[in-house]
N, C-alpha and C. Protein backbone atom coordinates (compact mmCIF):
# COMPACT_ATOMS: atom_id res chain seq x y z
N MET A 1 -41.06 -0.55 5.25
CA MET A 1 -41.25 -0.05 6.64
C MET A 1 -41.78 1.45 6.91
N ASN A 2 -43.37 1.15 7.91
CA ASN A 2 -44.22 2.12 7.92
C ASN A 2 -43.49 4.01 8.74
N LYS A 3 -44.67 4.59 8.67
CA LYS A 3 -43.67 5.57 8.85
C LYS A 3 -43.14 6.11 9.95
N PRO A 4 -43.57 5.78 11.08
CA PRO A 4 -43.32 5.81 12.71
C PRO A 4 -41.89 5.50 12.29
N VAL A 5 -41.83 4.17 12.02
CA VAL A 5 -40.06 3.28 12.05
C VAL A 5 -39.45 4.38 11.16
N ARG A 6 -39.53 5.03 9.79
CA ARG A 6 -38.77 5.74 8.98
C ARG A 6 -38.61 7.26 9.85
N ARG A 7 -39.51 7.64 10.58
CA ARG A 7 -39.56 8.83 10.90
C ARG A 7 -38.83 8.70 12.40
N LYS A 8 -38.62 7.71 13.07
CA LYS A 8 -37.59 7.69 14.16
C LYS A 8 -36.50 7.16 13.50
N ALA A 9 -36.11 7.15 12.34
CA ALA A 9 -34.75 6.63 12.23
C ALA A 9 -34.52 7.80 11.13
N GLY A 10 -35.30 8.33 11.01
CA GLY A 10 -34.71 9.75 10.55
C GLY A 10 -34.09 10.78 12.09
N ILE A 11 -35.35 10.77 12.85
CA ILE A 11 -34.68 11.96 14.02
C ILE A 11 -33.59 10.75 14.66
N THR A 12 -33.80 10.11 14.40
CA THR A 12 -32.01 9.24 15.31
C THR A 12 -30.65 9.33 14.25
N ALA A 13 -30.88 9.19 13.28
CA ALA A 13 -30.12 10.21 12.05
C ALA A 13 -29.70 11.40 12.65
N LEU A 14 -30.46 12.25 12.78
CA LEU A 14 -29.89 13.42 12.98
C LEU A 14 -29.34 13.80 14.02
N ALA A 15 -29.77 13.18 14.98
CA ALA A 15 -29.22 13.15 16.31
C ALA A 15 -27.59 13.24 16.78
N ALA A 16 -27.23 11.87 15.93
CA ALA A 16 -26.00 11.22 15.76
C ALA A 16 -25.26 12.39 14.77
N ALA A 17 -25.61 12.48 13.84
CA ALA A 17 -25.16 13.45 13.08
C ALA A 17 -24.81 15.10 13.92
N MET A 18 -26.05 15.03 14.54
CA MET A 18 -25.30 16.35 15.27
C MET A 18 -24.47 16.47 16.35
N ALA A 19 -24.93 15.44 17.18
CA ALA A 19 -23.88 14.83 18.10
C ALA A 19 -22.62 14.76 18.00
N TRP A 20 -22.25 14.24 16.43
CA TRP A 20 -21.00 14.05 16.14
C TRP A 20 -19.95 14.91 15.73
N LEU A 21 -20.86 16.26 15.59
CA LEU A 21 -20.19 17.91 15.06
C LEU A 21 -19.98 18.46 16.40
N ALA A 22 -20.86 17.85 18.00
CA ALA A 22 -20.57 18.46 18.79
C ALA A 22 -19.02 18.34 19.31
N LEU A 23 -18.46 17.48 19.14
CA LEU A 23 -17.43 16.72 19.30
C LEU A 23 -16.91 17.38 19.61
N PRO A 24 -15.30 17.16 20.79
CA PRO A 24 -14.35 18.56 20.64
C PRO A 24 -13.54 18.47 19.32
N THR A 25 -13.06 19.60 19.15
CA THR A 25 -12.31 19.96 17.94
C THR A 25 -10.76 19.45 18.18
N SER A 26 -9.93 19.23 16.89
CA SER A 26 -8.93 19.00 16.81
C SER A 26 -8.00 20.08 17.15
N ALA A 27 -6.67 20.13 17.57
CA ALA A 27 -5.70 21.37 17.26
C ALA A 27 -5.28 21.56 15.84
N ARG A 28 -5.09 20.39 14.86
CA ARG A 28 -4.47 20.18 13.64
C ARG A 28 -5.64 20.97 12.75
N ALA A 29 -6.10 21.94 12.29
CA ALA A 29 -7.19 22.67 11.24
C ALA A 29 -6.33 23.02 9.72
N THR A 30 -7.65 22.98 9.02
CA THR A 30 -7.20 22.89 7.92
C THR A 30 -8.04 24.49 6.81
N LEU A 31 -9.15 24.13 6.85
CA LEU A 31 -10.18 25.26 6.36
C LEU A 31 -9.66 26.59 6.81
N GLY A 32 -9.73 27.89 6.33
CA GLY A 32 -9.07 28.89 6.98
C GLY A 32 -8.25 28.86 7.29
N GLU A 33 -6.95 28.29 7.02
CA GLU A 33 -5.72 28.45 7.43
C GLU A 33 -4.56 28.63 6.30
N ALA A 34 -3.59 28.62 6.56
CA ALA A 34 -2.32 28.41 5.25
C ALA A 34 -2.27 27.24 4.77
N ALA A 35 -1.98 27.03 3.03
CA ALA A 35 -1.26 26.09 2.33
C ALA A 35 -0.80 24.78 3.36
N GLU A 36 0.28 25.61 4.03
CA GLU A 36 1.37 24.59 5.12
C GLU A 36 0.38 23.43 5.29
N SER A 37 -0.83 24.17 5.81
CA SER A 37 -1.49 22.91 6.93
C SER A 37 -2.81 21.68 6.44
N VAL A 38 -2.29 21.83 4.56
CA VAL A 38 -1.89 20.64 4.62
C VAL A 38 -1.47 19.66 4.06
N GLU A 39 0.11 20.14 4.77
CA GLU A 39 0.92 19.26 4.32
C GLU A 39 0.79 18.53 6.46
N ARG A 40 0.38 18.99 6.79
CA ARG A 40 -0.40 18.75 8.38
C ARG A 40 -1.15 17.17 8.24
N ASP A 41 -2.12 17.95 7.38
CA ASP A 41 -3.32 17.23 7.02
C ASP A 41 -2.49 15.96 5.86
N ARG A 42 -2.08 15.85 5.70
CA ARG A 42 -1.20 14.74 4.86
C ARG A 42 -0.75 13.96 6.08
N ALA A 43 0.21 14.01 6.80
CA ALA A 43 0.92 13.23 7.59
C ALA A 43 0.17 12.63 8.71
N GLN A 44 -1.61 13.49 9.51
CA GLN A 44 -2.63 12.94 10.11
C GLN A 44 -2.78 11.89 9.39
N PHE A 45 -3.20 12.10 8.38
CA PHE A 45 -4.09 11.25 7.81
C PHE A 45 -3.11 9.90 6.94
N HIS A 46 -1.83 10.11 6.84
CA HIS A 46 -1.52 9.06 6.13
C HIS A 46 -1.23 9.18 4.62
N ALA A 47 -1.88 10.35 4.48
CA ALA A 47 -1.71 10.27 2.58
C ALA A 47 -1.05 10.64 1.75
N ARG A 48 -1.31 9.97 0.55
CA ARG A 48 -0.37 10.39 -0.47
C ARG A 48 -1.49 11.48 -0.99
N ILE A 49 -0.52 12.80 -1.68
CA ILE A 49 -0.87 13.84 -1.87
C ILE A 49 -0.03 13.93 -3.57
N ALA A 50 -1.34 15.18 -4.37
CA ALA A 50 -1.18 15.41 -5.63
C ALA A 50 -1.83 16.46 -5.47
N VAL A 51 -1.11 17.83 -6.52
CA VAL A 51 -1.43 19.54 -6.31
C VAL A 51 -1.76 19.29 -7.95
N ARG A 52 -2.66 19.72 -8.20
CA ARG A 52 -3.89 20.15 -9.61
C ARG A 52 -3.50 21.68 -9.71
N PRO A 53 -2.79 22.55 -10.38
CA PRO A 53 -3.35 23.93 -10.47
C PRO A 53 -4.11 24.15 -11.09
N GLN A 54 -5.07 25.11 -11.08
CA GLN A 54 -6.31 26.04 -11.74
C GLN A 54 -6.27 27.40 -11.83
N ALA A 55 -7.07 28.08 -12.64
CA ALA A 55 -6.70 28.82 -13.38
C ALA A 55 -6.26 29.88 -11.95
N HIS A 56 -7.23 29.91 -10.89
CA HIS A 56 -7.81 31.02 -9.53
C HIS A 56 -7.10 30.33 -8.65
N PHE A 57 -6.95 29.22 -8.59
CA PHE A 57 -6.45 28.15 -6.97
C PHE A 57 -5.92 26.58 -7.29
N SER A 58 -5.55 26.38 -6.50
CA SER A 58 -4.55 24.80 -6.62
C SER A 58 -5.95 23.49 -5.87
N VAL A 59 -5.87 22.72 -5.65
CA VAL A 59 -6.19 21.90 -5.28
C VAL A 59 -5.11 21.00 -4.91
N HIS A 60 -5.40 20.40 -3.70
CA HIS A 60 -4.81 19.65 -3.21
C HIS A 60 -5.02 18.40 -2.68
N GLU A 61 -4.65 17.08 -3.25
CA GLU A 61 -5.71 16.16 -3.26
C GLU A 61 -5.29 14.72 -2.54
N LEU A 62 -5.48 14.62 -1.11
CA LEU A 62 -5.26 13.72 -0.60
C LEU A 62 -6.04 12.29 -0.61
N ALA A 63 -5.43 11.23 -0.86
CA ALA A 63 -5.63 9.72 -1.34
C ALA A 63 -6.09 9.02 0.05
N LEU A 64 -6.69 9.36 1.11
CA LEU A 64 -6.30 8.37 2.50
C LEU A 64 -6.88 7.27 1.78
N GLY A 65 -6.95 6.05 2.99
CA GLY A 65 -6.94 4.71 3.15
C GLY A 65 -8.19 4.24 2.58
N ALA A 66 -9.23 3.27 2.80
CA ALA A 66 -10.50 3.32 2.54
C ALA A 66 -11.06 4.16 1.61
N ASN A 67 -10.31 3.88 0.12
CA ASN A 67 -10.72 4.79 -0.92
C ASN A 67 -11.45 6.25 -0.72
N VAL A 68 -10.83 7.11 0.32
CA VAL A 68 -11.08 8.47 0.71
C VAL A 68 -10.92 8.89 -0.34
N LEU A 69 -11.06 10.39 -0.86
CA LEU A 69 -10.30 11.70 -1.36
C LEU A 69 -10.73 12.79 -0.74
N VAL A 70 -9.87 13.64 -0.10
CA VAL A 70 -9.69 15.02 -0.21
C VAL A 70 -8.90 15.39 -0.71
N ARG A 71 -10.15 16.68 -0.98
CA ARG A 71 -8.98 18.24 -2.06
C ARG A 71 -9.74 19.00 -1.33
N GLU A 72 -7.81 19.56 -0.80
CA GLU A 72 -8.29 20.84 -0.17
C GLU A 72 -7.40 21.81 -1.14
N PHE A 73 -8.72 23.04 -1.44
CA PHE A 73 -9.03 23.92 -2.00
C PHE A 73 -8.38 25.37 -1.80
N VAL A 74 -7.05 25.68 -2.34
CA VAL A 74 -5.72 26.69 -2.00
C VAL A 74 -5.99 27.72 -2.91
N ASP A 75 -6.04 29.25 -2.27
CA ASP A 75 -6.26 30.52 -3.12
C ASP A 75 -4.98 30.82 -3.52
N SER A 76 -4.45 31.99 -4.52
CA SER A 76 -3.50 32.12 -4.72
C SER A 76 -2.34 32.77 -3.42
N SER A 77 -3.44 33.50 -2.62
CA SER A 77 -2.65 33.97 -1.60
C SER A 77 -2.16 32.88 -0.75
N GLY A 78 -2.55 32.19 -0.57
CA GLY A 78 -1.64 30.72 -0.18
C GLY A 78 -2.73 29.80 1.20
N ARG A 79 -4.64 30.85 0.86
CA ARG A 79 -5.11 30.26 1.76
C ARG A 79 -5.90 29.05 1.41
N VAL A 80 -6.79 27.98 2.51
CA VAL A 80 -7.68 27.28 2.23
C VAL A 80 -9.00 27.96 2.46
N PHE A 81 -9.58 27.91 0.85
CA PHE A 81 -10.69 28.32 1.44
C PHE A 81 -11.74 27.56 1.42
N ALA A 82 -11.62 25.85 0.94
CA ALA A 82 -12.61 25.20 1.09
C ALA A 82 -11.98 23.08 0.67
N VAL A 83 -12.79 22.84 1.39
CA VAL A 83 -12.35 21.36 1.54
C VAL A 83 -13.68 20.55 0.57
N ALA A 84 -13.35 19.39 0.31
CA ALA A 84 -14.66 18.22 0.10
C ALA A 84 -13.59 17.23 -0.13
N TRP A 85 -14.87 16.11 -0.29
CA TRP A 85 -14.15 14.62 -0.13
C TRP A 85 -15.55 13.72 -0.82
N SER A 86 -14.91 12.49 -0.41
CA SER A 86 -15.43 11.30 -1.67
C SER A 86 -15.21 10.13 -1.30
N GLY A 87 -16.19 9.29 -0.80
CA GLY A 87 -15.37 7.95 -0.22
C GLY A 87 -16.27 6.55 0.35
N GLN A 88 -15.57 5.99 0.61
CA GLN A 88 -16.61 4.79 1.41
C GLN A 88 -16.88 5.27 2.86
N SER A 89 -16.18 6.25 3.18
CA SER A 89 -15.87 6.90 4.82
C SER A 89 -15.94 8.29 5.11
N ARG A 90 -16.06 8.81 5.88
CA ARG A 90 -15.87 10.35 5.66
C ARG A 90 -14.98 10.67 6.84
N PRO A 91 -13.89 11.34 5.70
CA PRO A 91 -12.17 11.77 6.85
C PRO A 91 -12.46 12.35 8.35
N ASP A 92 -12.20 12.42 8.97
CA ASP A 92 -11.59 13.40 10.44
C ASP A 92 -12.45 14.86 10.10
N LEU A 93 -13.27 15.29 9.72
CA LEU A 93 -13.92 16.49 10.08
C LEU A 93 -13.08 17.37 10.75
N HIS A 94 -12.92 17.17 12.23
CA HIS A 94 -12.49 17.99 12.85
C HIS A 94 -11.03 18.29 12.11
N GLN A 95 -10.28 17.84 12.04
CA GLN A 95 -8.56 18.32 11.18
C GLN A 95 -9.06 18.79 10.07
N LEU A 96 -10.11 18.56 9.10
CA LEU A 96 -10.52 19.52 8.22
C LEU A 96 -11.35 20.61 8.20
N LEU A 97 -12.09 20.78 9.10
CA LEU A 97 -12.82 22.26 9.49
C LEU A 97 -12.19 23.03 10.76
N GLY A 98 -11.34 22.16 11.22
CA GLY A 98 -10.78 23.28 12.44
C GLY A 98 -11.86 23.84 13.16
N SER A 99 -11.30 25.48 13.43
CA SER A 99 -11.78 26.07 14.08
C SER A 99 -13.53 26.46 13.70
N TYR A 100 -13.97 26.43 12.23
CA TYR A 100 -15.49 25.94 12.32
C TYR A 100 -16.03 24.97 12.72
N HIS A 101 -15.47 23.92 12.57
CA HIS A 101 -15.88 22.44 13.21
C HIS A 101 -17.17 23.12 14.28
N ALA A 102 -16.60 23.90 15.19
CA ALA A 102 -17.19 24.47 16.51
C ALA A 102 -18.40 25.29 15.76
N GLN A 103 -18.07 26.02 15.04
CA GLN A 103 -19.37 27.44 14.60
C GLN A 103 -20.09 26.46 13.89
N LEU A 104 -20.16 25.02 13.28
CA LEU A 104 -21.46 24.38 12.32
C LEU A 104 -21.72 23.74 13.67
N ALA A 105 -21.32 23.46 14.80
CA ALA A 105 -22.50 22.31 15.58
C ALA A 105 -23.30 23.21 16.61
N GLN A 106 -22.86 24.70 16.22
CA GLN A 106 -24.22 25.33 16.38
C GLN A 106 -25.42 26.10 15.71
N ALA A 107 -25.15 25.49 14.41
CA ALA A 107 -25.67 26.03 13.61
C ALA A 107 -27.23 25.63 14.02
N PRO A 108 -28.70 26.57 13.69
CA PRO A 108 -29.59 25.80 13.83
C PRO A 108 -30.03 24.52 12.91
N VAL A 109 -30.40 23.44 13.55
CA VAL A 109 -30.80 22.80 12.57
C VAL A 109 -33.38 22.65 11.97
N SER A 110 -33.47 23.77 11.27
CA SER A 110 -35.00 24.08 11.01
C SER A 110 -35.70 22.68 11.08
N ALA A 111 -35.42 21.76 10.27
CA ALA A 111 -36.45 20.71 11.05
C ALA A 111 -35.46 19.02 10.36
N VAL A 112 -36.39 18.24 10.52
CA VAL A 112 -35.91 17.10 10.75
C VAL A 112 -35.93 16.51 9.46
N ARG A 113 -34.64 16.39 8.88
CA ARG A 113 -35.06 15.20 7.62
C ARG A 113 -34.43 14.03 8.06
N ARG A 114 -35.98 13.27 6.86
CA ARG A 114 -35.49 11.58 6.48
C ARG A 114 -34.51 11.12 5.23
N ARG A 115 -34.68 11.93 4.50
CA ARG A 115 -33.87 11.51 3.15
C ARG A 115 -32.47 13.06 3.16
N GLY A 116 -32.26 12.90 1.93
CA GLY A 116 -31.49 13.73 1.33
C GLY A 116 -30.42 14.40 1.80
N PRO A 117 -29.00 14.69 1.67
CA PRO A 117 -28.42 15.77 1.86
C PRO A 117 -28.40 16.88 3.80
N VAL A 118 -27.31 16.82 4.31
CA VAL A 118 -27.17 17.89 5.76
C VAL A 118 -26.52 19.03 4.44
N ILE A 119 -27.30 20.25 5.17
CA ILE A 119 -26.52 21.27 4.39
C ILE A 119 -26.83 22.42 5.65
N LEU A 120 -25.57 23.12 5.63
CA LEU A 120 -25.36 24.01 7.08
C LEU A 120 -25.20 25.34 6.69
N HIS A 121 -25.64 26.22 6.78
CA HIS A 121 -24.91 27.74 7.00
C HIS A 121 -24.85 28.10 7.91
N GLN A 122 -23.74 28.59 8.11
CA GLN A 122 -23.22 29.52 9.43
C GLN A 122 -22.50 30.18 9.72
N GLY A 123 -23.35 32.06 9.39
CA GLY A 123 -22.43 32.88 9.41
C GLY A 123 -21.60 32.57 7.93
N ASN A 124 -19.84 33.18 7.74
CA ASN A 124 -19.88 32.46 6.55
C ASN A 124 -19.36 31.46 5.68
N ILE A 125 -19.86 30.62 6.76
CA ILE A 125 -19.24 28.73 6.26
C ILE A 125 -20.21 28.27 5.90
N VAL A 126 -20.23 27.33 4.35
CA VAL A 126 -21.63 26.41 3.79
C VAL A 126 -20.94 25.35 4.75
N PHE A 127 -21.71 23.81 5.00
CA PHE A 127 -20.97 22.57 4.92
C PHE A 127 -22.57 21.86 3.87
N GLU A 128 -22.16 20.57 3.66
CA GLU A 128 -23.29 20.05 2.91
C GLU A 128 -22.34 18.60 2.49
N SER A 129 -23.40 17.63 2.97
CA SER A 129 -22.58 16.48 3.35
C SER A 129 -24.03 15.91 2.70
N GLY A 130 -23.23 14.84 2.02
CA GLY A 130 -24.63 13.26 1.62
C GLY A 130 -23.94 12.21 1.40
N GLY A 131 -25.14 11.37 0.08
CA GLY A 131 -24.60 9.95 0.43
C GLY A 131 -25.01 8.98 0.97
N HIS A 132 -24.96 7.91 0.64
CA HIS A 132 -25.17 6.52 1.05
C HIS A 132 -24.36 5.93 1.87
N MET A 133 -24.27 4.76 2.24
CA MET A 133 -23.30 3.74 3.00
C MET A 133 -22.25 3.33 1.89
N ARG A 134 -21.03 3.51 1.98
CA ARG A 134 -19.92 3.22 1.26
C ARG A 134 -19.91 4.42 -0.14
N ALA A 135 -20.36 5.54 -0.34
CA ALA A 135 -20.57 6.62 -1.03
C ALA A 135 -20.93 7.21 -0.69
N LEU A 136 -20.02 8.53 0.42
CA LEU A 136 -20.12 9.13 1.28
C LEU A 136 -19.36 10.59 -0.13
N ARG A 137 -19.65 11.51 0.31
CA ARG A 137 -19.50 12.84 -0.45
C ARG A 137 -19.34 14.32 0.39
N GLY A 138 -19.14 15.29 0.41
CA GLY A 138 -19.32 17.09 1.19
C GLY A 138 -18.39 17.53 0.77
N ARG A 139 -18.79 18.45 1.44
CA ARG A 139 -17.51 19.93 1.07
C ARG A 139 -18.23 20.55 2.27
N ALA A 140 -17.35 21.71 2.34
CA ALA A 140 -17.55 22.95 3.62
C ALA A 140 -16.31 24.20 2.79
N TYR A 141 -16.92 25.37 2.49
CA TYR A 141 -16.39 26.71 2.40
C TYR A 141 -16.83 27.28 2.86
N LEU A 142 -15.91 28.58 2.50
CA LEU A 142 -15.91 29.81 3.19
C LEU A 142 -16.68 30.61 2.42
N THR A 143 -17.66 31.32 2.02
CA THR A 143 -18.29 32.08 1.84
C THR A 143 -17.16 33.82 0.95
N ASP A 144 -16.74 34.01 2.44
CA ASP A 144 -16.42 35.63 2.11
C ASP A 144 -14.55 35.77 1.33
N ALA A 145 -14.00 33.97 1.55
CA ALA A 145 -12.95 33.87 1.14
C ALA A 145 -12.80 33.04 -0.43
N LEU A 146 -13.90 33.06 -1.01
CA LEU A 146 -13.89 32.46 -2.78
C LEU A 146 -12.67 33.03 -3.37
N PRO A 147 -12.30 32.95 -4.19
CA PRO A 147 -11.69 33.81 -5.13
C PRO A 147 -12.91 34.19 -6.44
N ALA A 148 -12.03 35.55 -6.92
CA ALA A 148 -12.89 36.14 -7.79
C ALA A 148 -12.91 35.06 -9.01
N GLY A 149 -14.03 35.25 -9.21
CA GLY A 149 -14.10 34.29 -10.43
C GLY A 149 -14.13 32.39 -10.51
N VAL A 150 -14.51 32.54 -8.81
CA VAL A 150 -14.75 30.98 -8.69
C VAL A 150 -16.04 30.26 -8.02
N SER A 151 -16.38 29.69 -9.11
CA SER A 151 -18.05 29.17 -9.14
C SER A 151 -18.19 28.02 -7.57
N VAL A 152 -19.19 28.27 -6.58
CA VAL A 152 -19.11 27.03 -5.70
C VAL A 152 -19.32 25.49 -6.47
N ASP A 153 -19.65 25.75 -7.76
CA ASP A 153 -19.56 24.43 -8.40
C ASP A 153 -18.63 23.51 -8.78
N GLU A 154 -17.58 24.88 -8.60
CA GLU A 154 -16.09 23.83 -8.63
C GLU A 154 -15.69 23.33 -7.70
N ILE A 155 -16.19 23.51 -6.51
CA ILE A 155 -15.96 22.59 -5.38
C ILE A 155 -16.45 21.53 -5.25
N ARG A 156 -15.82 20.37 -5.57
CA ARG A 156 -16.33 19.14 -5.50
C ARG A 156 -15.45 18.32 -5.45
């Protein structure tokens, strides 16, 4: 593939990603909400759920169809401080990011990326997404809500 075609493909992919983030948000949100919102997500996604307690938080794993796993990280006070996903397709990020979805859509894009993950920092939220066809992954977390003693490397 020659360079002009690769550059055009990179620009097209970035434009599609930004347009996708600009879509209207869902009323059912998770990130930053109480742990009860995990049940709404489970019902919305028609998912199976498993809860794995950790030292400073618990991980609510939602197994969706199409081999997609969504993990919602809940602190000891019952607030969702991070979400992560992996699988063959992306889950409904409007559902997972809630009101933060609109905030991320306003994040400035400094350069056109042809390869590599998408990483957005906007206010107190970090959004990372990458992978390749049928092996997508990502995470979003609130920097000011990470429990003491929790590293961002634990959010995966």
